[in-house]
Amino acid sequence: MANVSGINDDQSYGTLSSFTHEKLKETDKSYQVDIFNFRWAYDNSYDDNTGYANVVFTKVYKPQGVLFTIKMVQANLDVLILKGYMEGSLNLNDYLSK
C-alpha cells in the first residue's frame, strides 16, 4: 500500500499483513459494508522514518456509489482518518489469507 502526495511525489509505502475481512449484508436499515483490518509496515520516501500502523478500511455500498473510510492508528497512537468515494472497483479478496 502507498500513501502518495501529489505535490512532490513523496510517499509512505510498504507491505500489508494480518488481513481480516468482515462482510455485513444490506438490510432494510443499513447498506452493505465490507470491513478490512490489516497491519501496514511502511517506509517514508521523504525522510528516514519507518513504522507500522493498524488499519481499518471500510467500504459502504450506497446507490450513489461506494464510500470509504480508512482509519490508521500508528505505533505512537497518532490517528489518521481518510474519507471519500471510490471510482472503479477494488477487490481486496485476492489478498486475503486463504
Protein backbone atom coordinates (compact mmCIF):
# COMPACT_ATOMS: atom_id res chain seq x y z
CA MET A 1 0.00 0.00 0.00
CA ALA A 2 1.17 3.54 -0.64
CA ASN A 3 0.02 6.95 0.57
CA VAL A 4 1.22 9.26 -2.22
CA SER A 5 1.44 13.06 -2.15
CA GLY A 6 0.58 14.78 -5.42
CA ILE A 7 2.90 17.70 -4.64
CA ASN A 8 6.41 16.20 -4.66
CA ASP A 9 5.62 12.55 -5.37
CA ASP A 10 6.56 11.82 -1.76
CA GLN A 11 5.06 8.68 -0.36
CA SER A 12 4.77 6.27 2.51
CA TYR A 13 4.77 2.72 1.19
CA GLY A 14 5.06 -0.82 2.44
CA THR A 15 3.65 -4.28 2.91
CA LEU A 16 0.35 -5.41 4.40
CA SER A 17 -0.16 -8.34 6.75
CA SER A 18 -2.64 -9.86 9.21
CA PHE A 19 -5.70 -9.40 6.99
CA THR A 20 -9.20 -9.99 8.29
CA HIS A 21 -12.43 -9.30 6.43
CA GLU A 22 -15.98 -8.89 7.67
CA LYS A 23 -18.91 -8.56 5.28
CA LEU A 24 -22.17 -7.05 6.52
CA LYS A 25 -25.14 -7.69 4.27
CA GLU A 26 -27.58 -4.99 3.24
CA THR A 27 -30.73 -4.80 5.37
CA ASP A 28 -33.83 -2.63 5.44
CA LYS A 29 -31.94 -0.25 7.76
CA SER A 30 -28.34 -0.37 6.50
CA TYR A 31 -26.23 -0.66 3.35
CA GLN A 32 -23.85 -3.49 2.51
CA VAL A 33 -20.46 -2.94 4.17
CA ASP A 34 -17.02 -4.55 3.82
CA ILE A 35 -14.58 -4.06 6.72
CA PHE A 36 -10.91 -4.94 6.21
CA ASN A 37 -8.42 -4.90 9.08
CA PHE A 38 -4.68 -5.20 8.49
CA ARG A 39 -1.24 -4.07 9.59
CA TRP A 40 0.78 -1.79 7.30
CA ALA A 41 4.58 -1.76 7.68
CA TYR A 42 5.70 1.46 5.98
CA ASP A 43 8.77 3.42 4.91
CA ASN A 44 8.68 7.13 4.03
CA SER A 45 10.41 8.33 0.85
CA TYR A 46 10.77 11.88 2.23
CA ASP A 47 12.59 11.06 5.49
CA ASP A 48 14.13 8.05 7.21
CA ASN A 49 11.03 7.18 9.23
CA THR A 50 9.71 3.65 9.22
CA GLY A 51 6.98 2.11 11.29
CA TYR A 52 3.69 0.35 11.29
CA ALA A 53 0.02 1.24 11.50
CA ASN A 54 -3.04 -0.80 12.27
CA VAL A 55 -5.58 -0.01 9.57
CA VAL A 56 -9.34 -0.38 9.26
CA PHE A 57 -10.56 0.08 5.67
CA THR A 58 -14.36 0.28 5.38
CA LYS A 59 -16.37 0.26 2.13
CA VAL A 60 -20.06 1.22 2.20
CA TYR A 61 -22.10 0.33 -0.90
CA LYS A 62 -24.71 3.07 -1.41
CA PRO A 63 -26.88 3.52 -4.52
CA GLN A 64 -24.88 6.66 -5.40
CA GLY A 65 -21.53 4.84 -5.25
CA VAL A 66 -19.03 3.21 -2.91
CA LEU A 67 -17.90 5.34 0.03
CA PHE A 68 -14.77 4.52 2.02
CA THR A 69 -13.14 5.32 5.32
CA ILE A 70 -9.54 4.47 6.17
CA LYS A 71 -8.52 4.74 9.82
CA MET A 72 -4.80 4.32 10.55
CA VAL A 73 -3.51 4.06 14.11
CA GLN A 74 0.27 4.39 14.23
CA ALA A 75 2.54 2.82 16.86
CA ASN A 76 2.75 6.18 18.69
CA LEU A 77 -1.10 6.22 18.73
CA ASP A 78 -1.40 9.06 16.20
CA VAL A 79 -4.63 8.56 14.23
CA LEU A 80 -5.18 9.45 10.57
CA ILE A 81 -8.67 9.20 9.04
CA LEU A 82 -9.31 9.46 5.29
CA LYS A 83 -12.81 9.54 3.77
CA GLY A 84 -14.04 9.64 0.20
CA TYR A 85 -15.63 7.71 -2.62
CA MET A 86 -14.22 5.08 -4.93
CA GLU A 87 -14.05 5.25 -8.69
CA GLY A 88 -13.89 1.88 -10.43
CA SER A 89 -13.56 -1.26 -8.36
CA LEU A 90 -11.10 -2.68 -5.89
CA ASN A 91 -11.32 -6.36 -4.98
CA LEU A 92 -9.23 -6.97 -1.86
CA ASN A 93 -10.44 -10.56 -1.60
CA ASP A 94 -7.47 -11.62 -3.76
CA TYR A 95 -5.13 -10.53 -0.92
CA LEU A 96 -6.91 -12.22 1.95
CA SER A 97 -5.31 -15.27 3.51
CA LYS A 98 -6.98 -18.42 2.33
